[in-house]
Protein backbone atom coordinates (compact mmCIF):
# COMPACT_ATOMS: atom_id res chain seq x y z
CA MET A 1 91.04 66.25 121.17
CA ASP A 2 88.81 67.14 124.12
CA ILE A 3 85.42 68.39 122.90
CA SER A 4 84.58 69.82 126.32
CA VAL A 5 87.64 72.10 126.21
CA ILE A 6 86.64 73.35 122.75
CA LEU A 7 83.10 74.06 123.99
CA GLN A 8 84.49 75.96 126.98
CA ALA A 9 86.64 78.03 124.63
CA PHE A 10 83.63 78.85 122.46
CA GLN A 11 81.53 79.67 125.51
CA GLY A 12 84.19 82.05 126.82
CA ALA A 13 84.79 83.69 123.43
CA LEU A 14 81.09 84.32 122.89
CA GLN A 15 80.76 86.35 126.07
CA PRO A 16 79.72 89.96 125.33
CA LEU A 17 82.95 91.42 126.73
CA MET A 18 85.12 89.06 124.66
CA LEU A 19 83.15 89.86 121.50
CA LEU A 20 83.59 93.55 122.26
CA PHE A 21 87.38 93.12 122.51
CA ILE A 22 87.54 91.13 119.25
CA PHE A 23 85.33 93.51 117.25
CA THR A 24 87.14 96.55 118.68
CA GLY A 25 90.47 95.03 117.73
CA VAL A 26 89.29 94.21 114.20
CA PHE A 27 87.92 97.75 113.75
CA PHE A 28 91.16 99.44 114.77
CA GLY A 29 93.15 96.85 112.82
CA ILE A 30 91.23 97.73 109.64
CA ILE A 31 91.82 101.44 110.23
CA ALA A 32 95.54 100.89 110.96
CA GLY A 33 95.93 98.60 107.95
CA CYS A 34 94.36 101.02 105.47
CA ILE A 35 96.54 103.98 106.51
CA PRO A 36 99.76 103.79 104.43
CA GLY A 37 102.78 103.67 106.71
CA PHE A 38 100.96 103.00 109.96
CA THR A 39 100.72 99.17 109.82
CA PHE A 40 98.75 96.89 112.14
CA THR A 41 102.00 95.90 113.89
CA MET A 42 102.23 99.43 115.25
CA ALA A 43 98.59 99.17 116.34
CA ILE A 44 99.31 95.93 118.20
CA ILE A 45 102.29 97.53 119.92
CA LEU A 46 100.13 100.50 120.93
CA ALA A 47 97.45 98.13 122.26
CA PHE A 48 99.96 96.08 124.27
CA PRO A 49 99.91 98.32 127.40
CA PHE A 50 96.11 98.09 127.52
CA THR A 51 96.34 94.31 127.98
CA PHE A 52 98.16 94.64 131.31
CA GLY A 53 94.94 94.80 133.30
CA MET A 54 93.11 92.20 131.22
CA GLU A 55 92.80 88.46 131.50
CA PRO A 56 95.26 86.64 129.18
CA VAL A 57 92.47 85.47 126.87
CA GLN A 58 90.99 88.97 126.67
CA GLY A 59 94.33 90.59 125.87
CA LEU A 60 95.04 88.00 123.19
CA ALA A 61 91.55 88.45 121.74
CA LEU A 62 92.11 92.19 121.36
CA MET A 63 95.49 91.74 119.65
CA ILE A 64 94.25 88.89 117.44
CA GLY A 65 91.42 91.15 116.31
CA ILE A 66 93.91 93.90 115.40
CA TYR A 67 96.12 91.33 113.65
CA ILE A 68 93.35 89.87 111.48
CA GLY A 69 91.72 93.24 110.82
CA GLY A 70 95.06 94.79 109.87
CA LEU A 71 95.95 91.99 107.45
CA SER A 72 92.68 92.61 105.63
CA GLY A 73 92.55 96.40 106.04
CA GLY A 74 95.58 96.96 103.84
CA LEU A 75 93.52 96.10 100.76
CA ILE A 76 91.37 99.24 101.15
CA SER A 77 93.92 101.89 100.24
CA GLY A 78 95.68 99.48 97.90
CA THR A 79 92.50 98.89 95.93
CA LEU A 80 91.03 102.38 96.03
CA LEU A 81 94.18 104.45 95.65
CA GLY A 82 96.88 102.07 94.42
CA ILE A 83 98.75 102.67 97.69
CA PRO A 84 99.24 99.51 99.78
CA GLY A 85 98.36 100.09 103.42
CA THR A 86 100.83 97.40 104.52
CA PRO A 87 103.71 95.59 102.78
CA SER A 88 101.56 92.44 102.67
CA SER A 89 98.92 94.23 100.55
CA VAL A 90 101.34 95.25 97.79
CA VAL A 91 100.24 92.32 95.61
CA THR A 92 96.57 93.32 95.98
CA THR A 93 97.27 96.58 94.17
CA PHE A 94 98.37 94.67 91.04
CA ASP A 95 94.74 93.89 90.14
CA GLY A 96 92.73 95.81 92.74
CA TYR A 97 93.72 99.29 91.59
CA PRO A 98 93.23 98.54 87.87
CA MET A 99 89.69 97.40 88.72
CA THR A 100 89.10 100.69 90.54
CA LYS A 101 90.29 102.62 87.49
CA LYS A 102 87.75 100.63 85.46
CA GLY A 103 84.97 101.77 87.82
CA GLU A 104 84.78 98.45 89.73
CA SER A 105 86.16 99.53 93.10
CA ALA A 106 83.25 98.09 95.09
CA ARG A 107 83.53 94.75 93.30
CA ALA A 108 87.29 94.62 93.90
CA LEU A 109 86.89 95.45 97.60
CA GLY A 110 84.13 92.86 97.97
CA ILE A 111 86.34 90.17 96.40
CA GLY A 112 89.22 91.17 98.68
CA ILE A 113 87.11 91.12 101.84
CA LEU A 114 85.47 87.76 101.09
CA SER A 115 88.83 86.24 100.15
CA SER A 116 90.34 87.57 103.39
CA VAL A 117 87.57 85.93 105.39
CA PHE A 118 87.98 82.56 103.68
CA GLY A 119 91.74 82.78 104.09
CA THR A 120 91.29 83.48 107.80
CA PHE A 121 88.94 80.52 108.23
CA ILE A 122 91.15 78.09 106.30
CA GLY A 123 94.23 79.27 108.21
CA ALA A 124 92.42 78.74 111.53
CA ILE A 125 91.28 75.25 110.49
CA ILE A 126 94.82 74.26 109.50
CA LEU A 127 96.11 75.68 112.78
CA PHE A 128 93.52 73.68 114.71
CA LEU A 129 94.02 70.39 112.86
CA LEU A 130 97.68 70.41 111.93
CA GLY A 131 99.30 72.91 114.30
CA PRO A 132 101.50 70.52 116.32
CA LEU A 133 102.40 68.48 113.21
CA VAL A 134 103.32 71.51 111.06
CA ALA A 135 105.34 72.91 113.95
CA LYS A 136 107.46 69.77 113.94
CA VAL A 137 108.00 70.09 110.17
CA SER A 138 109.00 73.75 110.53
CA LEU A 139 111.74 72.62 112.94
CA LEU A 140 113.41 71.03 109.91
CA PHE A 141 113.82 74.48 108.34
CA GLY A 142 117.28 75.79 109.02
CA PRO A 143 118.89 78.79 107.34
CA TRP A 144 119.56 76.69 104.21
CA GLU A 145 115.86 75.91 103.74
CA ILE A 146 114.70 79.48 104.41
CA PHE A 147 117.36 80.80 102.01
CA SER A 148 116.20 78.43 99.28
CA LEU A 149 112.56 79.33 99.94
CA ILE A 150 113.36 83.03 99.47
CA VAL A 151 115.35 82.25 96.31
CA PHE A 152 112.23 80.53 95.03
CA ALA A 153 110.16 83.60 95.98
CA LEU A 154 112.64 85.88 94.18
CA THR A 155 112.20 83.93 90.94
CA LEU A 156 108.70 85.37 90.93
CA VAL A 157 110.33 88.60 89.74
CA ALA A 158 110.16 87.06 86.29
CA GLY A 159 106.42 86.58 86.61
CA LEU A 160 105.95 90.19 87.74
CA SER A 161 108.02 91.65 84.92
CA GLY A 162 105.27 91.86 82.32
CA ALA A 163 106.38 91.76 78.71
CA SER A 164 109.97 92.84 79.43
CA LEU A 165 111.87 90.26 81.46
CA SER A 166 115.06 92.32 81.38
CA LYS A 167 113.35 95.36 82.93
CA GLY A 168 111.82 93.15 85.63
CA LEU A 169 115.19 91.66 86.51
CA LEU A 170 116.67 95.16 86.57
CA ALA A 171 113.94 96.29 88.96
CA GLY A 172 114.42 93.25 91.20
CA SER A 173 118.18 93.83 91.29
CA LEU A 174 117.56 97.46 92.25
CA GLY A 175 115.42 96.28 95.18
CA LEU A 176 118.13 93.87 96.31
CA LEU A 177 120.73 96.64 96.02
CA ILE A 178 118.64 99.02 98.15
CA GLY A 179 118.32 96.28 100.77
CA THR A 180 122.11 96.04 101.13
CA ILE A 181 122.42 99.63 102.42
CA GLY A 182 123.12 99.82 106.15
CA ILE A 183 124.43 97.26 108.60
CA SER A 184 125.31 93.88 107.10
CA PRO A 185 124.49 90.60 108.88
CA SER A 186 128.14 90.48 109.96
CA GLY A 187 127.75 93.85 111.71
CA GLN A 188 129.62 96.09 109.29
CA VAL A 189 128.18 99.38 108.00
CA ARG A 190 128.20 99.63 104.22
CA PHE A 191 127.00 101.95 101.46
CA ASP A 192 126.06 104.71 103.91
CA PHE A 193 127.94 107.34 101.84
CA GLY A 194 128.90 109.13 105.03
CA ILE A 195 125.25 109.80 105.92
CA ASP A 196 124.60 108.80 109.52
CA GLN A 197 120.90 108.14 108.91
CA LEU A 198 121.76 105.50 106.29
CA ALA A 199 123.82 103.48 108.77
CA SER A 200 120.70 101.57 109.79
CA GLY A 201 119.53 101.16 106.19
CA PHE A 202 116.22 101.98 104.58
CA SER A 203 113.04 101.08 106.43
CA PRO A 204 110.81 99.25 103.90
CA ILE A 205 107.68 101.28 104.74
CA PRO A 206 108.99 104.76 103.67
CA VAL A 207 110.47 103.22 100.51
CA LEU A 208 107.19 101.45 99.80
CA ILE A 209 105.20 104.65 100.39
CA GLY A 210 107.51 106.56 98.07
CA LEU A 211 107.57 104.01 95.25
CA PHE A 212 103.84 103.29 95.28
CA ALA A 213 102.11 106.19 97.00
CA LEU A 214 104.07 109.23 95.93
CA SER A 215 104.77 108.00 92.40
CA THR A 216 101.05 107.27 92.03
CA LEU A 217 100.28 110.79 93.24
CA PHE A 218 102.63 112.23 90.62
CA ILE A 219 100.84 110.18 87.98
CA ASN A 220 97.48 111.39 89.33
CA ILE A 221 98.65 115.00 89.03
CA GLU A 222 99.25 114.36 85.34
CA GLU A 223 95.78 112.82 85.03
CA ILE A 224 94.23 115.81 86.77
CA LYS A 225 95.60 118.08 84.04
CA GLN A 226 94.30 115.75 81.34
CA ASN A 227 90.80 115.25 82.78
CA MET A 228 90.01 118.74 84.02
CA THR A 229 86.88 120.28 82.47
CA LYS A 230 86.37 123.95 81.89
CA ASP A 231 84.81 124.40 85.33
CA GLY A 232 87.93 122.90 86.91
CA GLN A 233 86.47 119.60 88.15
CA ASP A 234 87.94 116.16 87.69
CA ILE A 235 85.11 114.30 85.93
CA SER A 236 86.75 110.90 85.36
CA ILE A 237 86.56 109.88 89.00
CA LEU A 238 82.86 110.72 89.23
CA LYS A 239 82.01 107.76 87.00
CA GLN A 240 82.78 105.27 89.77
CA LYS A 241 79.94 102.94 90.78
CA VAL A 242 79.49 102.63 94.52
CA LYS A 243 76.73 100.03 94.56
CA ILE A 244 78.16 96.78 95.91
CA PRO A 245 77.54 93.86 93.52
CA TYR A 246 77.15 91.18 96.21
CA PHE A 247 76.09 88.38 93.88
CA GLN A 248 78.87 89.21 91.42
CA VAL A 249 81.43 89.14 94.24
CA ILE A 250 80.19 85.74 95.43
CA LYS A 251 80.27 84.48 91.85
CA ASP A 252 83.82 85.78 91.35
CA VAL A 253 85.13 84.14 94.51
CA TYR A 254 83.29 80.87 93.79
CA LYS A 255 84.86 80.80 90.34
CA GLU A 256 88.26 81.10 92.03
CA LYS A 257 87.49 78.52 94.76
CA TRP A 258 90.57 76.40 94.01
CA ASN A 259 92.64 79.55 93.97
CA VAL A 260 91.29 80.39 97.44
CA ILE A 261 92.19 76.96 98.82
CA ARG A 262 95.61 76.80 97.17
CA SER A 263 96.57 80.35 98.17
CA SER A 264 95.33 79.85 101.74
CA VAL A 265 97.37 76.68 102.14
CA ILE A 266 100.46 78.46 100.77
CA GLY A 267 99.84 81.38 103.12
CA CYS A 268 99.45 79.14 106.15
CA PHE A 269 102.55 77.13 105.31
CA VAL A 270 104.73 80.20 104.69
CA GLY A 271 103.28 81.84 107.81
CA CYS A 272 104.55 79.06 110.04
CA LEU A 273 108.13 79.69 108.89
CA PRO A 274 109.79 82.29 111.12
CA ALA A 275 110.78 85.46 109.25
CA ALA A 276 109.27 84.31 105.95
CA GLY A 277 106.41 86.80 106.29
CA ALA A 278 103.09 87.47 104.57
CA GLU A 279 104.90 89.23 101.72
CA SER A 280 106.53 85.99 100.56
CA ALA A 281 103.19 84.17 100.76
CA ASN A 282 101.49 86.88 98.67
CA PHE A 283 104.03 86.80 95.86
CA ILE A 284 104.18 83.00 95.76
CA SER A 285 100.38 82.65 95.79
CA TYR A 286 99.96 85.30 93.09
CA ASP A 287 102.54 83.61 90.89
CA GLN A 288 100.90 80.20 91.30
CA ALA A 289 97.43 81.63 90.66
CA LYS A 290 98.70 83.20 87.44
CA LYS A 291 100.40 79.98 86.33
CA PHE A 292 97.25 77.89 86.92
CA SER A 293 94.89 80.44 85.38
CA LYS A 294 93.51 80.18 81.84
CA GLU A 295 93.56 83.99 81.68
CA LYS A 296 97.22 84.68 82.47
CA ASN A 297 97.34 87.74 80.23
CA LYS A 298 94.63 89.49 82.28
CA TYR A 299 96.58 89.34 85.54
CA GLY A 300 97.86 92.78 86.43
CA GLU A 301 95.08 94.43 84.45
CA GLY A 302 92.26 93.91 86.92
CA HIS A 303 91.68 90.15 87.27
CA PRO A 304 89.69 88.93 90.31
CA GLY A 305 92.02 85.95 90.69
CA GLY A 306 94.93 88.24 91.56
CA ILE A 307 92.98 89.79 94.44
CA VAL A 308 91.77 86.38 95.61
CA ALA A 309 95.30 84.95 95.65
CA SER A 310 96.75 87.91 97.52
CA GLU A 311 94.09 88.37 100.17
CA SER A 312 93.34 84.70 100.93
CA SER A 313 97.04 83.92 101.39
CA ASN A 314 97.54 87.18 103.28
CA ASN A 315 95.03 86.35 106.01
CA ALA A 316 95.83 82.63 106.08
CA VAL A 317 99.32 83.64 107.21
CA ALA A 318 97.79 84.47 110.61
CA GLY A 319 96.84 80.85 111.23
CA GLY A 320 100.26 79.66 110.16
CA ALA A 321 102.12 82.29 112.20
CA PHE A 322 100.44 81.10 115.39
CA ILE A 323 101.74 77.56 114.88
CA PRO A 324 105.37 78.18 115.93
CA THR A 325 104.20 80.80 118.44
CA ILE A 326 102.01 78.54 120.58
CA THR A 327 103.71 75.21 119.89
CA LEU A 328 107.38 76.21 120.00
CA GLY A 329 107.38 79.68 121.54
CA ILE A 330 109.07 81.02 118.38
CA PRO A 331 107.42 84.19 117.03
CA GLY A 332 106.87 84.20 113.27
CA ASP A 333 106.84 88.00 113.09
CA VAL A 334 106.90 91.14 115.24
CA ALA A 335 103.16 90.93 115.96
CA GLN A 336 103.56 87.39 117.25
CA ALA A 337 106.50 88.50 119.40
CA VAL A 338 104.27 91.11 121.04
CA MET A 339 101.63 88.46 121.74
CA ILE A 340 104.24 86.18 123.28
CA GLY A 341 105.24 89.12 125.46
CA ALA A 342 101.63 89.50 126.58
CA LEU A 343 101.48 85.81 127.55
CA ILE A 344 104.79 85.94 129.42
CA LEU A 345 103.58 89.07 131.22
CA HIS A 346 100.72 86.97 132.60
CA GLY A 347 103.05 84.15 133.64
CA ILE A 348 102.27 81.90 130.66
CA THR A 349 105.18 80.41 128.71
CA PRO A 350 104.39 79.42 125.10
CA GLY A 351 105.66 76.04 123.98
CA PRO A 352 104.61 72.39 123.60
CA GLY A 353 103.55 72.25 127.25
CA LEU A 354 100.96 74.98 126.66
CA PHE A 355 98.57 72.40 125.16
CA ASN A 356 98.52 70.53 128.47
CA THR A 357 98.74 73.41 130.95
CA GLN A 358 96.45 75.92 129.14
CA PRO A 359 94.19 73.93 126.78
CA ILE A 360 91.34 76.45 127.01
CA LEU A 361 93.70 79.33 126.16
CA VAL A 362 95.03 77.48 123.09
CA ASN A 363 91.54 76.68 121.84
CA SER A 364 90.45 80.26 122.56
CA ILE A 365 93.08 81.41 120.03
CA TYR A 366 91.46 79.22 117.37
CA VAL A 367 88.01 80.57 118.23
CA ALA A 368 89.20 84.20 118.36
CA ILE A 369 90.67 83.87 114.85
CA PHE A 370 87.35 82.50 113.57
CA ILE A 371 85.32 85.26 115.19
CA SER A 372 87.80 87.86 113.92
CA GLY A 373 87.15 86.58 110.41
CA ILE A 374 83.43 87.08 110.92
CA ALA A 375 84.11 90.55 112.34
CA VAL A 376 86.16 91.44 109.24
CA LEU A 377 83.24 90.41 107.03
CA VAL A 378 80.67 92.35 109.07
CA LEU A 379 82.64 95.54 109.73
CA GLN A 380 84.26 95.91 106.31
CA THR A 381 80.98 95.14 104.54
CA LEU A 382 79.18 97.75 106.63
CA LEU A 383 81.93 100.30 106.02
CA LEU A 384 82.31 99.44 102.34
CA PRO A 385 79.72 101.91 100.97
CA LEU A 386 81.53 104.66 102.87
CA LEU A 387 84.99 103.48 101.87
CA THR A 388 84.20 103.28 98.16
CA ARG A 389 83.19 106.94 98.23
CA ILE A 390 86.83 107.80 98.76
CA THR A 391 87.12 107.33 95.00
CA LEU A 392 84.49 110.02 94.45
CA ILE A 393 86.66 112.67 96.09
CA PRO A 394 88.21 114.87 93.35
CA LYS A 395 91.91 114.18 92.99
CA THR A 396 92.61 117.87 93.49
CA PHE A 397 91.62 117.32 97.14
CA LEU A 398 92.66 113.69 97.45
CA VAL A 399 96.27 114.03 96.28
CA PRO A 400 97.45 116.57 98.90
CA SER A 401 95.50 114.76 101.65
CA ILE A 402 97.13 111.40 100.86
CA LEU A 403 100.51 113.08 100.56
CA PHE A 404 100.10 114.54 104.04
CA LEU A 405 98.90 111.26 105.61
CA SER A 406 101.64 109.25 103.88
CA THR A 407 104.43 111.50 105.10
CA VAL A 408 102.97 111.51 108.62
CA GLY A 409 102.80 107.69 108.50
CA ALA A 410 106.43 107.51 107.37
CA PHE A 411 107.54 109.91 110.10
CA ALA A 412 105.61 108.01 112.79
CA LEU A 413 107.61 104.82 112.18
CA ASN A 414 110.88 106.08 113.68
CA ASN A 415 110.11 109.74 114.46
CA ARG A 416 112.74 110.75 111.89
CA LEU A 417 112.42 113.64 109.45
CA PHE A 418 114.87 111.75 107.26
CA ASP A 419 112.17 109.14 106.50
CA ILE A 420 110.05 111.86 104.88
CA TRP A 421 112.95 112.69 102.54
CA ILE A 422 113.19 108.97 101.75
CA VAL A 423 109.52 109.01 100.73
CA PHE A 424 110.08 111.95 98.37
CA PHE A 425 113.28 110.48 96.91
CA PHE A 426 111.74 107.11 96.10
CA GLY A 427 108.57 108.81 94.90
CA ILE A 428 110.65 110.46 92.18
CA VAL A 429 112.46 107.17 91.50
CA GLY A 430 109.14 105.34 91.19
CA PHE A 431 107.73 107.99 88.85
CA LEU A 432 110.80 107.82 86.60
CA LEU A 433 110.67 104.00 86.53
CA TYR A 434 106.97 104.21 85.60
CA LYS A 435 107.84 106.58 82.74
CA ILE A 436 110.31 104.10 81.23
CA ASN A 437 107.92 101.15 81.81
CA VAL A 438 110.00 99.45 84.49
CA PRO A 439 107.67 97.54 86.88
CA LEU A 440 107.76 98.63 90.52
CA SER A 441 106.64 95.32 92.06
CA PRO A 442 110.01 93.53 91.60
CA VAL A 443 111.74 96.43 93.37
CA ILE A 444 109.58 95.89 96.45
CA LEU A 445 110.02 92.11 96.23
CA GLY A 446 113.80 92.49 96.21
CA LEU A 447 113.80 95.10 98.98
CA ILE A 448 111.60 93.09 101.35
CA LEU A 449 113.12 89.65 100.79
CA GLY A 450 116.73 90.67 100.12
CA PRO A 451 117.82 91.38 103.71
CA THR A 452 116.27 88.14 104.96
CA LEU A 453 117.95 86.24 102.13
CA GLU A 454 121.35 87.68 103.04
CA ALA A 455 120.86 87.10 106.77
CA GLU A 456 119.92 83.44 106.27
CA MET A 457 122.83 82.92 103.86
CA THR A 458 125.23 84.40 106.41
CA ARG A 459 123.83 82.16 109.14
CA ALA A 460 124.16 79.14 106.88
CA PHE A 461 127.83 79.79 106.10
CA GLN A 462 128.58 80.55 109.75
CA MET A 463 127.21 77.12 110.64
CA ASN A 464 128.81 75.33 107.70
CA SER A 465 131.08 76.96 105.11
CA GLU A 466 130.37 74.29 102.47
CA ILE A 467 128.03 75.47 99.70
CA SER A 468 127.12 71.85 98.96
CA VAL A 469 124.90 71.79 102.06
CA PHE A 470 122.29 73.80 100.14
CA PHE A 471 122.02 70.90 97.70
CA THR A 472 122.40 67.96 100.06
CA ARG A 473 119.55 68.95 102.39
CA PRO A 474 116.35 67.60 100.72
CA ILE A 475 113.98 70.49 101.52
CA SER A 476 116.53 73.10 100.47
CA LEU A 477 117.21 71.22 97.23
CA LEU A 478 113.46 70.97 96.56
CA PHE A 479 113.00 74.75 96.78
CA LEU A 480 116.03 75.37 94.55
CA ILE A 481 114.64 72.96 91.93
CA LEU A 482 111.27 74.72 92.15
CA ALA A 483 113.05 78.06 91.70
CA VAL A 484 114.70 76.85 88.48
CA ILE A 485 111.43 75.41 87.18
CA SER A 486 109.54 78.59 88.05
CA PHE A 487 112.07 80.78 86.27
CA VAL A 488 112.22 78.61 83.14
CA VAL A 489 108.43 78.28 82.89
CA THR A 490 108.00 82.03 83.25
CA ILE A 491 110.58 82.74 80.52
CA ILE A 492 108.72 80.37 78.18
CA GLN A 493 105.41 82.07 79.01
CA VAL A 494 106.81 85.58 78.46
CA ARG A 495 108.31 84.59 75.10
CA LYS A 496 105.02 82.98 74.06
CA GLN A 497 103.06 86.10 75.05
CA ASN A 498 105.45 88.37 73.14
CA LYS A 499 105.26 86.09 70.09
CA ASP A 500 101.45 86.12 70.20
CA LYS A 501 101.45 89.92 70.39
CA GLU A 502 103.80 90.16 67.40
CA GLN A 503 101.49 87.91 65.38
CA LEU A 504 98.47 90.02 66.33
CA ASN A 505 100.30 93.21 65.29
CA VAL A 506 101.18 91.66 61.96
């Protein structure tokens, strides 16, 4: 480890122009992340052409800023409106939005921002210290291991089911079923019902917007009717407190310090696995936080630990995702693929040799992630008083505005009018599921992880048709054992909770 190279990286990153690129990237990443349907990945793709005339380090700094800012920015709409800005912020809504409904929106946002910053820092530290080593371990993950990891993640459906395990499993199965529509991993079109637009399947973002955003808007319309006063104003939302409780936020995060560390490590580890994604890290971290908590029953009702687990793991994924990118040249997600494209455009080939040929560039990535974390803290904290006032807007104005922005965001993904109809269809589905007390979170879990699960299973059987391979490979077997343990423990916990409630009712 050459200290002089690290100092040169810091010196270069602290130049005014570099700081400008990082802070600009973080700002636009936050904005992109908090707009449902837009996603920071789209922002990175839009920023890609602007890097052509930049130095490699400058271009990477801009995109890293967007990446980190976008990972954190998704918590804003998820917390304030119950509408996740990105798929990786779905878990944040579980406890963030209930806190907003209790009048603690500023506290929830503060916890999310601080957790995001710590997650970013811990992810960067792990990348710096263990990057080459973790990259070697990730090489051991074939399709069998990734399949078993996702099976383990899918067992979290039980933990997200609330009091009714059967309804949670039904919701998770519905998500898996939706994910099968379109082209199968073998290349065959299925379940398109003769509709050409369904041949490519459902894009997760419009489905997510419909299930969470539109269904929430329908629920809000009902609340508007219930809370309207004689003068026609919605008075319930005006009770929100916008003063940021800084000391309370610090106290909340400090109380969850082990949760921060555990969730960040999970996020970084999952991030370094290609195609695993931040969504898997969020669900796994949330489940583990709930299992280790002494207040399990409060999760999903506005518990700070749920936000901490989601946001710290969410941003720690960035550090992990860079591990295969810079050490192996294997992008962990679409955003990383764009960054690899930027490096190749400048004649730089990612891989093990990058540490020897471009040591300053590699260390500049570490530094840029750190500074991006600081930028997230500064910019989101400064914007927080303004952002929390979104909750003061009467729902009679807010509902149609969000509906418009959500449909525009869905349309912008593929420039298809059909995606808007998808939003409306799943909005109705989500509203009906809410009415019969079926949780929506397992649907999203199944939809997001299902296609990857099927693709990895297909790859595994193409390489070896024996099912025993899943049990003879140690890492794969470990995840399958963890999946069984997770499912059994959750069943025991659900039965215990239901028994306790029955005793209280008696």
